[in-house]
Amino acid sequence: MENLDSQQLNLLITLRLRQLHNNGLKGILFDDLVRMYRDFIWKNGQPVHLNEIASDVFRVSDETIVRWLATESKIDGYRYSLEDFLPMLEDEEL
């Protein structure tokens, strides 16, 4: 269980993702959860034992996940200028 590519961890995150989708949060992706656990929950190191990992995966509330993703999105937005978003706006039908 040393890395985020393990089969057991992928299963746990997939189960958590299904819970989120069942709770109406269908816009959250598998990669979003992997990033959140890696960069936020386990920033000081991932637990070694599967039961600790499972506890961490299911302990985090839906609200915390949404809040972290929103904060991450806001931080990423600061890295861009308005000109970077012009192609998106030009492609949209108004």
Protein backbone atom coordinates (compact mmCIF):
# COMPACT_ATOMS: atom_id res chain seq x y z
CA MET A 1 0.00 0.00 0.00
CA GLU A 2 2.84 2.37 -0.67
CA ASN A 3 1.39 4.23 -3.63
CA LEU A 4 -1.88 5.53 -4.96
CA ASP A 5 -1.87 3.03 -7.84
CA SER A 6 -2.69 -0.01 -5.74
CA GLN A 7 -5.76 -2.03 -6.63
CA GLN A 8 -7.20 -1.88 -3.10
CA LEU A 9 -6.88 1.88 -2.92
CA ASN A 10 -8.46 2.30 -6.35
CA LEU A 11 -11.39 0.19 -5.18
CA LEU A 12 -11.83 2.27 -2.01
CA ILE A 13 -11.73 5.53 -3.92
CA THR A 14 -14.17 4.17 -6.51
CA LEU A 15 -16.58 3.18 -3.74
CA ARG A 16 -16.28 6.65 -2.19
CA LEU A 17 -16.85 8.22 -5.60
CA ARG A 18 -20.03 6.18 -6.02
CA GLN A 19 -21.23 7.45 -2.64
CA LEU A 20 -20.60 11.02 -3.76
CA HIS A 21 -22.44 10.45 -7.03
CA ASN A 22 -25.37 8.86 -5.17
CA ASN A 23 -25.47 11.97 -2.98
CA GLY A 24 -25.87 14.15 -6.08
CA LEU A 25 -22.24 15.20 -6.54
CA LYS A 26 -21.91 13.76 -10.03
CA GLY A 27 -19.30 16.28 -11.22
CA ILE A 28 -16.54 14.86 -9.03
CA LEU A 29 -14.10 12.58 -10.84
CA PHE A 30 -11.90 9.72 -9.68
CA ASP A 31 -8.78 11.79 -10.36
CA ASP A 32 -10.19 14.62 -8.21
CA LEU A 33 -10.41 12.28 -5.23
CA VAL A 34 -6.95 10.82 -5.82
CA ARG A 35 -5.51 14.34 -5.92
CA MET A 36 -7.37 15.38 -2.78
CA TYR A 37 -6.24 12.37 -0.75
CA ARG A 38 -2.66 12.62 -2.01
CA ASP A 39 -2.26 16.39 -1.63
CA PHE A 40 -4.52 17.14 1.34
CA ILE A 41 -5.42 14.17 3.50
CA TRP A 42 -2.11 12.33 3.14
CA LYS A 43 0.18 15.31 2.61
CA ASN A 44 2.40 14.03 5.45
CA GLY A 45 2.33 10.44 4.23
CA GLN A 46 -0.20 7.79 3.33
CA PRO A 47 -1.08 5.25 6.03
CA VAL A 48 0.47 1.82 5.64
CA HIS A 49 -2.42 -0.41 6.69
CA LEU A 50 -5.47 -0.94 4.52
CA ASN A 51 -7.89 -0.39 7.41
CA GLU A 52 -6.34 3.03 8.13
CA ILE A 53 -6.58 3.98 4.46
CA ALA A 54 -10.22 2.85 4.32
CA SER A 55 -10.97 4.84 7.45
CA ASP A 56 -9.41 7.96 5.91
CA VAL A 57 -11.23 7.50 2.60
CA PHE A 58 -14.67 7.21 4.19
CA ARG A 59 -14.11 9.60 7.10
CA VAL A 60 -13.82 12.71 4.92
CA SER A 61 -17.22 14.37 4.57
CA ASP A 62 -18.82 15.29 1.26
CA GLU A 63 -18.64 18.93 2.34
CA THR A 64 -14.89 18.73 2.97
CA ILE A 65 -14.31 17.19 -0.44
CA VAL A 66 -16.35 19.88 -2.21
CA ARG A 67 -14.66 22.63 -0.19
CA TRP A 68 -11.18 21.32 -1.01
CA LEU A 69 -11.97 21.00 -4.72
CA ALA A 70 -13.42 24.52 -4.79
CA THR A 71 -10.34 25.91 -3.07
CA GLU A 72 -8.06 24.02 -5.45
CA SER A 73 -10.01 25.42 -8.39
CA LYS A 74 -9.73 28.95 -7.05
CA ILE A 75 -5.97 28.60 -6.53
CA ASP A 76 -5.56 27.20 -10.05
CA GLY A 77 -7.58 30.13 -11.40
CA TYR A 78 -5.07 32.61 -10.00
CA ARG A 79 -2.40 31.09 -12.22
CA TYR A 80 -4.17 32.22 -15.38
CA SER A 81 -4.95 35.56 -16.93
CA LEU A 82 -8.30 36.50 -18.44
CA GLU A 83 -6.84 36.03 -21.91
CA ASP A 84 -6.32 32.34 -21.14
CA PHE A 85 -10.10 31.93 -20.88
CA LEU A 86 -11.02 33.77 -24.10
CA PRO A 87 -11.03 30.62 -26.28
CA MET A 88 -13.58 29.06 -23.93
CA LEU A 89 -15.81 32.11 -24.13
CA GLU A 90 -15.53 32.37 -27.90
CA ASP A 91 -16.59 28.74 -28.34
CA GLU A 92 -19.71 29.11 -26.19
CA GLU A 93 -23.00 30.07 -27.71
CA LEU A 94 -24.41 33.09 -25.94
